[in-house]
């Protein structure tokens, strides 16, 4: 599994809220789908209200999220 950092914006009310999220996936498409699932469940945001601006693979040393770091290192 690879770790991806996804950056973008989502519409929360009338304001576009910026975000940066690290997710695990086999490829960029799977990571993007996981992001849509996470933001949709936590913030009740529809997929069309999420604008992904950048997706990049993150090395183990660059991971900031402690939960993701634990999952990768075990």
N, C-alpha and C. Protein backbone atom coordinates (compact mmCIF):
# COMPACT_ATOMS: atom_id res chain seq x y z
N UNK A 1 0.84 -1.18 0.00
CA UNK A 1 0.00 0.00 0.00
C UNK A 1 0.89 1.25 0.00
N UNK A 2 0.43 2.25 -0.69
CA UNK A 2 1.14 3.52 -0.79
C UNK A 2 0.37 4.59 -0.03
N UNK A 3 1.06 5.63 0.36
CA UNK A 3 0.44 6.75 1.06
C UNK A 3 0.42 7.95 0.12
N UNK A 4 -0.73 8.58 0.01
CA UNK A 4 -0.88 9.75 -0.85
C UNK A 4 -1.35 10.94 -0.01
N UNK A 5 -0.82 12.13 -0.33
CA UNK A 5 -1.30 13.36 0.27
C UNK A 5 -2.15 14.06 -0.78
N UNK A 6 -3.40 14.30 -0.43
CA UNK A 6 -4.35 14.92 -1.35
C UNK A 6 -4.70 16.30 -0.81
N UNK A 7 -4.59 17.29 -1.67
CA UNK A 7 -4.90 18.67 -1.30
C UNK A 7 -6.01 19.18 -2.20
N UNK A 8 -6.83 20.06 -1.65
CA UNK A 8 -7.91 20.63 -2.43
C UNK A 8 -8.82 21.48 -1.57
N UNK A 9 -10.08 21.59 -2.02
CA UNK A 9 -11.08 22.40 -1.31
C UNK A 9 -12.41 21.67 -1.35
N UNK A 10 -13.25 21.91 -0.34
CA UNK A 10 -14.62 21.41 -0.38
C UNK A 10 -15.56 22.49 0.12
N UNK A 11 -16.77 22.46 -0.39
CA UNK A 11 -17.77 23.48 -0.07
C UNK A 11 -18.46 23.14 1.23
N UNK A 12 -18.26 24.00 2.24
CA UNK A 12 -18.89 23.82 3.54
C UNK A 12 -19.79 25.03 3.77
N UNK A 13 -21.07 24.84 3.54
CA UNK A 13 -22.00 25.96 3.58
C UNK A 13 -21.80 26.81 2.35
N UNK A 14 -21.35 28.04 2.56
CA UNK A 14 -21.07 28.94 1.42
C UNK A 14 -19.58 29.22 1.27
N UNK A 15 -18.76 28.54 2.05
CA UNK A 15 -17.32 28.80 2.06
C UNK A 15 -16.57 27.58 1.54
N UNK A 16 -15.59 27.81 0.65
CA UNK A 16 -14.71 26.74 0.18
C UNK A 16 -13.61 26.55 1.21
N UNK A 17 -13.63 25.41 1.88
CA UNK A 17 -12.68 25.09 2.94
C UNK A 17 -11.50 24.32 2.36
N UNK A 18 -10.27 24.80 2.54
CA UNK A 18 -9.11 24.05 2.05
C UNK A 18 -8.82 22.84 2.95
N UNK A 19 -8.23 21.80 2.36
CA UNK A 19 -7.87 20.62 3.15
C UNK A 19 -6.60 20.00 2.59
N UNK A 20 -5.94 19.23 3.44
CA UNK A 20 -4.81 18.40 3.07
C UNK A 20 -4.95 17.13 3.89
N UNK A 21 -5.07 15.99 3.21
CA UNK A 21 -5.36 14.72 3.89
C UNK A 21 -4.45 13.64 3.36
N UNK A 22 -3.91 12.82 4.26
CA UNK A 22 -3.12 11.66 3.86
C UNK A 22 -4.00 10.42 3.93
N UNK A 23 -3.99 9.64 2.85
CA UNK A 23 -4.78 8.41 2.78
C UNK A 23 -3.93 7.29 2.19
N UNK A 24 -4.36 6.07 2.47
CA UNK A 24 -3.66 4.88 1.97
C UNK A 24 -4.45 4.33 0.78
N UNK A 25 -3.72 3.88 -0.26
CA UNK A 25 -4.36 3.27 -1.41
C UNK A 25 -3.34 2.59 -2.30
N UNK A 26 -3.83 1.71 -3.17
CA UNK A 26 -2.94 1.03 -4.11
C UNK A 26 -2.51 1.95 -5.25
N UNK A 27 -3.41 2.88 -5.63
CA UNK A 27 -3.09 3.84 -6.67
C UNK A 27 -3.82 5.15 -6.38
N UNK A 28 -3.63 6.14 -7.25
CA UNK A 28 -4.22 7.46 -7.01
C UNK A 28 -5.74 7.42 -7.02
N UNK A 29 -6.32 6.62 -7.91
CA UNK A 29 -7.79 6.55 -7.98
C UNK A 29 -8.39 5.98 -6.70
N UNK A 30 -7.77 4.95 -6.15
CA UNK A 30 -8.28 4.36 -4.91
C UNK A 30 -8.14 5.35 -3.75
N UNK A 31 -7.03 6.08 -3.71
CA UNK A 31 -6.83 7.08 -2.67
C UNK A 31 -7.88 8.19 -2.79
N UNK A 32 -8.18 8.59 -4.00
CA UNK A 32 -9.19 9.64 -4.23
C UNK A 32 -10.57 9.17 -3.79
N UNK A 33 -10.93 7.92 -4.10
CA UNK A 33 -12.21 7.36 -3.68
C UNK A 33 -12.30 7.31 -2.15
N UNK A 34 -11.20 6.93 -1.51
CA UNK A 34 -11.18 6.88 -0.04
C UNK A 34 -11.36 8.27 0.55
N UNK A 35 -10.76 9.28 -0.08
CA UNK A 35 -10.92 10.66 0.37
C UNK A 35 -12.38 11.08 0.28
N UNK A 36 -13.02 10.79 -0.86
CA UNK A 36 -14.44 11.13 -1.02
C UNK A 36 -15.28 10.47 0.07
N UNK A 37 -14.97 9.24 0.40
CA UNK A 37 -15.69 8.52 1.45
C UNK A 37 -15.49 9.17 2.81
N UNK A 38 -14.25 9.53 3.13
CA UNK A 38 -13.95 10.14 4.43
C UNK A 38 -14.62 11.50 4.58
N UNK A 39 -14.45 12.38 3.59
CA UNK A 39 -15.04 13.71 3.67
C UNK A 39 -16.56 13.65 3.65
N UNK A 40 -17.11 12.73 2.86
CA UNK A 40 -18.55 12.59 2.81
C UNK A 40 -19.14 12.15 4.12
N UNK A 41 -18.49 11.22 4.81
CA UNK A 41 -19.03 10.73 6.07
C UNK A 41 -18.80 11.71 7.22
N UNK A 42 -17.67 12.39 7.23
CA UNK A 42 -17.38 13.31 8.33
C UNK A 42 -18.08 14.65 8.21
N UNK A 43 -18.20 15.17 6.98
CA UNK A 43 -18.72 16.52 6.78
C UNK A 43 -20.01 16.57 5.96
N UNK A 44 -20.52 15.41 5.56
CA UNK A 44 -21.75 15.34 4.74
C UNK A 44 -21.62 16.16 3.46
N UNK A 45 -20.50 15.98 2.78
CA UNK A 45 -20.21 16.70 1.55
C UNK A 45 -20.41 15.76 0.37
N UNK A 46 -21.12 16.20 -0.63
CA UNK A 46 -21.30 15.41 -1.85
C UNK A 46 -20.00 15.43 -2.66
N UNK A 47 -19.82 14.41 -3.49
CA UNK A 47 -18.60 14.30 -4.30
C UNK A 47 -18.40 15.50 -5.21
N UNK A 48 -19.47 16.03 -5.75
CA UNK A 48 -19.34 17.16 -6.68
C UNK A 48 -18.94 18.45 -5.98
N UNK A 49 -18.99 18.47 -4.65
CA UNK A 49 -18.59 19.65 -3.88
C UNK A 49 -17.15 19.56 -3.38
N UNK A 50 -16.42 18.53 -3.83
CA UNK A 50 -15.02 18.35 -3.45
C UNK A 50 -14.15 18.58 -4.68
N UNK A 51 -13.25 19.52 -4.61
CA UNK A 51 -12.33 19.83 -5.70
C UNK A 51 -10.93 19.38 -5.30
N UNK A 52 -10.41 18.36 -5.97
CA UNK A 52 -9.06 17.86 -5.70
C UNK A 52 -8.10 18.64 -6.60
N UNK A 53 -7.12 19.29 -5.97
CA UNK A 53 -6.16 20.10 -6.71
C UNK A 53 -4.81 19.41 -6.92
N UNK A 54 -4.42 18.53 -5.98
CA UNK A 54 -3.13 17.86 -6.11
C UNK A 54 -3.15 16.52 -5.38
N UNK A 55 -2.55 15.53 -6.02
CA UNK A 55 -2.36 14.22 -5.40
C UNK A 55 -0.89 13.86 -5.60
N UNK A 56 -0.20 13.51 -4.50
CA UNK A 56 1.18 13.09 -4.66
C UNK A 56 1.49 11.98 -3.66
N UNK A 57 2.37 11.10 -4.08
CA UNK A 57 2.78 9.99 -3.22
C UNK A 57 3.75 10.52 -2.17
N UNK A 58 3.62 10.00 -0.94
CA UNK A 58 4.42 10.44 0.19
C UNK A 58 5.32 9.29 0.63
N UNK A 59 6.60 9.60 0.86
CA UNK A 59 7.52 8.58 1.39
C UNK A 59 7.26 8.38 2.88
N UNK A 60 7.74 7.27 3.43
CA UNK A 60 7.52 6.95 4.84
C UNK A 60 8.02 8.05 5.77
N UNK A 61 9.14 8.66 5.43
CA UNK A 61 9.72 9.69 6.28
C UNK A 61 8.89 10.98 6.31
N UNK A 62 8.06 11.21 5.30
CA UNK A 62 7.30 12.45 5.17
C UNK A 62 5.89 12.36 5.75
N UNK A 63 5.47 11.19 6.20
CA UNK A 63 4.10 11.02 6.69
C UNK A 63 3.91 11.81 7.97
N UNK A 64 2.83 12.61 8.03
CA UNK A 64 2.54 13.44 9.19
C UNK A 64 1.44 12.86 10.07
N UNK A 65 0.48 12.16 9.50
CA UNK A 65 -0.63 11.60 10.25
C UNK A 65 -0.15 10.39 11.06
N UNK A 66 -0.26 10.43 12.40
CA UNK A 66 0.26 9.33 13.21
C UNK A 66 -0.45 7.99 12.98
N UNK A 67 -1.73 8.01 12.66
CA UNK A 67 -2.46 6.77 12.41
C UNK A 67 -1.97 6.12 11.12
N UNK A 68 -1.80 6.90 10.08
CA UNK A 68 -1.29 6.39 8.80
C UNK A 68 0.13 5.88 8.98
N UNK A 69 0.94 6.62 9.72
CA UNK A 69 2.33 6.22 9.96
C UNK A 69 2.37 4.86 10.67
N UNK A 70 1.52 4.66 11.66
CA UNK A 70 1.47 3.39 12.38
C UNK A 70 1.07 2.25 11.45
N UNK A 71 0.06 2.48 10.61
CA UNK A 71 -0.42 1.44 9.70
C UNK A 71 0.64 1.05 8.69
N UNK A 72 1.42 1.99 8.23
CA UNK A 72 2.46 1.72 7.23
C UNK A 72 3.65 0.99 7.85
N UNK A 73 3.99 1.33 9.08
CA UNK A 73 5.19 0.78 9.70
C UNK A 73 5.00 -0.61 10.30
N UNK A 74 3.80 -1.07 10.48
CA UNK A 74 3.65 -2.40 11.11
C UNK A 74 3.75 -3.51 10.14
